[in-house]
Protein backbone atom coordinates (compact mmCIF):
# COMPACT_ATOMS: atom_id res chain seq x y z
CA MET A 1 21.51 21.76 -15.94
CA LEU A 2 23.25 21.25 -19.27
CA ILE A 3 22.28 24.72 -20.51
CA LEU A 4 23.62 26.36 -17.34
CA GLU A 5 26.72 24.17 -17.55
CA GLN A 6 27.39 25.34 -21.09
CA PHE A 7 26.57 28.95 -20.22
CA THR A 8 28.75 29.12 -17.10
CA GLY A 9 31.39 26.47 -17.81
CA PHE A 10 30.67 25.04 -14.36
CA ASP A 11 30.33 21.30 -13.76
CA TRP A 12 27.13 21.23 -11.70
CA ASP A 13 27.37 17.59 -10.70
CA GLU A 14 30.81 17.87 -9.17
CA GLY A 15 30.74 21.49 -7.97
CA ASN A 16 30.06 22.48 -4.42
CA ARG A 17 26.95 24.35 -3.32
CA ASP A 18 28.71 27.65 -2.47
CA GLN A 19 30.29 27.85 -5.89
CA ARG A 20 26.95 27.07 -7.59
CA GLU A 21 25.17 29.77 -5.57
CA SER A 22 27.92 32.26 -6.37
CA VAL A 23 27.59 31.61 -10.08
CA LEU A 24 23.80 31.80 -10.00
CA SER A 25 23.72 35.00 -7.95
CA SER A 26 26.19 36.69 -10.29
CA MET A 27 24.01 35.98 -13.33
CA LYS A 28 22.15 39.03 -14.62
CA ARG A 29 18.53 39.12 -13.59
CA LYS A 30 15.76 40.35 -15.84
CA GLU A 31 14.07 43.57 -14.83
CA LEU A 32 10.57 43.23 -13.42
CA PRO A 33 7.83 45.02 -15.37
CA ILE A 34 5.58 47.51 -13.61
CA PHE A 35 2.13 46.01 -13.20
CA THR A 36 -1.05 48.05 -13.39
CA SER A 37 -3.25 45.47 -11.67
CA GLN A 38 -3.11 42.28 -9.64
CA GLU A 39 -4.66 40.42 -12.57
CA GLU A 40 -1.85 41.57 -14.87
CA GLU A 41 0.75 40.49 -12.32
CA ARG A 42 -1.00 37.13 -11.81
CA ASP A 43 -1.00 36.51 -15.59
CA PHE A 44 2.68 37.46 -15.76
CA TRP A 45 3.77 35.03 -13.02
CA ALA A 46 1.65 32.26 -14.53
CA THR A 47 3.90 32.33 -17.60
CA HIS A 48 7.30 33.39 -16.16
CA ASP A 49 9.84 31.84 -13.81
CA ALA A 50 10.67 33.89 -10.69
CA THR A 51 14.29 32.71 -10.73
CA ASP A 52 14.84 34.87 -13.83
CA TYR A 53 13.79 37.98 -11.89
CA VAL A 54 14.59 37.43 -8.22
CA ASP A 55 17.96 36.81 -6.57
CA TRP A 56 16.91 34.29 -3.93
CA SER A 57 20.34 34.37 -2.26
CA ASP A 58 19.29 37.68 -0.67
CA ALA A 59 15.97 36.27 0.54
CA GLU A 60 15.24 36.18 4.25
CA GLN A 61 12.85 33.90 6.05
CA VAL A 62 9.95 35.78 7.61
CA LEU A 63 7.19 34.82 9.99
CA MET A 64 3.61 35.68 9.13
CA PRO A 65 1.77 35.15 12.41
CA ASN A 66 -1.52 36.59 11.17
CA LEU A 67 -2.00 33.94 8.49
CA LYS A 68 -4.48 31.28 9.45
CA PRO A 69 -3.60 27.69 8.59
CA THR A 70 -5.74 25.96 6.01
CA LEU A 71 -8.25 23.78 7.81
CA LYS A 72 -9.84 20.62 6.52
CA THR A 73 -13.00 19.19 8.01
CA VAL A 74 -12.76 15.52 8.97
CA SER A 75 -15.28 13.17 10.47
CA VAL A 76 -14.07 10.81 13.18
CA ARG A 77 -16.22 8.26 14.98
CA LEU A 78 -15.38 8.15 18.68
CA PRO A 79 -16.79 5.93 21.41
CA GLU A 80 -19.24 7.90 23.57
CA PHE A 81 -17.19 7.36 26.74
CA LEU A 82 -14.11 8.86 25.03
CA LEU A 83 -16.00 11.89 23.77
CA ASP A 84 -17.54 12.36 27.24
CA SER A 85 -14.07 12.17 28.80
CA ILE A 86 -12.74 14.73 26.33
CA LYS A 87 -15.65 17.06 27.14
CA VAL A 88 -14.93 16.75 30.87
CA LEU A 89 -11.23 17.56 30.29
CA ALA A 90 -12.16 20.46 28.03
CA ASN A 91 -14.49 21.83 30.69
CA LYS A 92 -11.69 21.62 33.29
CA ARG A 93 -9.34 23.50 30.94
CA ASP A 94 -12.10 25.93 29.97
CA VAL A 95 -11.70 25.31 26.23
CA PRO A 96 -14.17 24.01 23.62
CA TYR A 97 -13.90 20.23 23.31
CA GLN A 98 -13.12 20.43 19.55
CA SER A 99 -10.16 22.70 20.36
CA LEU A 100 -8.97 20.26 23.00
CA ILE A 101 -9.11 17.43 20.47
CA LYS A 102 -6.86 19.49 18.13
CA ILE A 103 -4.48 20.27 21.01
CA LEU A 104 -4.24 16.61 21.97
CA LEU A 105 -3.64 15.60 18.34
CA VAL A 106 -0.86 18.18 17.92
CA GLU A 107 0.82 17.08 21.15
CA GLY A 108 0.60 13.42 20.13
CA VAL A 109 2.00 14.03 16.66
CA GLU A 110 4.86 16.17 18.02
CA ARG A 111 5.66 13.47 20.59
CA GLU A 112 5.70 10.76 17.88
CA LEU A 113 7.88 12.83 15.56
CA SER A 114 10.26 13.62 18.41
CA SER A 115 10.41 9.92 19.30
CA GLU A 116 11.17 9.00 15.68
CA LYS A 117 13.93 11.62 15.57
CA GLU A 118 15.43 10.28 18.81
CA SER A 119 15.31 6.75 17.38
CA GLU A 120 17.04 7.91 14.19
CA THR A 121 19.67 9.73 16.26
CA ALA A 122 20.22 6.63 18.40
CA ALA A 123 20.63 4.48 15.27
CA ILE A 124 23.18 6.89 13.79
CA LEU A 125 25.14 6.99 17.03
CA ARG A 126 25.06 3.17 17.32
CA GLU A 127 26.44 2.89 13.80
CA SER A 128 29.26 5.25 14.74
CA GLY A 129 30.03 3.20 17.86
CA THR A 130 28.65 5.75 20.32
CA GLU A 131 26.08 4.80 22.95
CA TYR A 132 22.88 6.82 23.23
CA HIS A 133 20.85 6.97 26.43
CA GLU A 134 17.32 8.02 25.51
CA ASP A 135 16.27 8.51 29.14
CA GLU A 136 19.11 10.97 29.76
CA ASN A 137 19.45 12.29 26.18
CA GLU A 138 23.22 12.15 26.64
CA GLU A 139 25.95 10.56 24.59
CA SER A 140 28.74 8.51 26.07
CA ALA A 141 31.74 6.99 24.37
């Protein structure tokens, strides 16, 4: 940040985020060249930094629902009785058993992450002297 500090006269370590963003967004951006092919554009971005050309303060988050997540094949050894039970449950839900395994994994991971977050919240509240009731998800002083 020393170069930006010298260029802008702004102390980046002590400055607040809003002031930093204001300074960065007011800096002149380079003009994007017109590309004649995807290959030319790919080569350009391989050697240039987007922050010189794009004002990210105007960026908006977008959802791209048609993108498929990257999948990785894994091999898991399961006891036969467990696999048979999963197949029975999948049949009841009318879904392929591999899909049910993914659903169950997602639900389990979300539950664990939620539990960790609740535990972190409870610890923070305890430190501040506030009681946290996990069963009611309510605070009391």
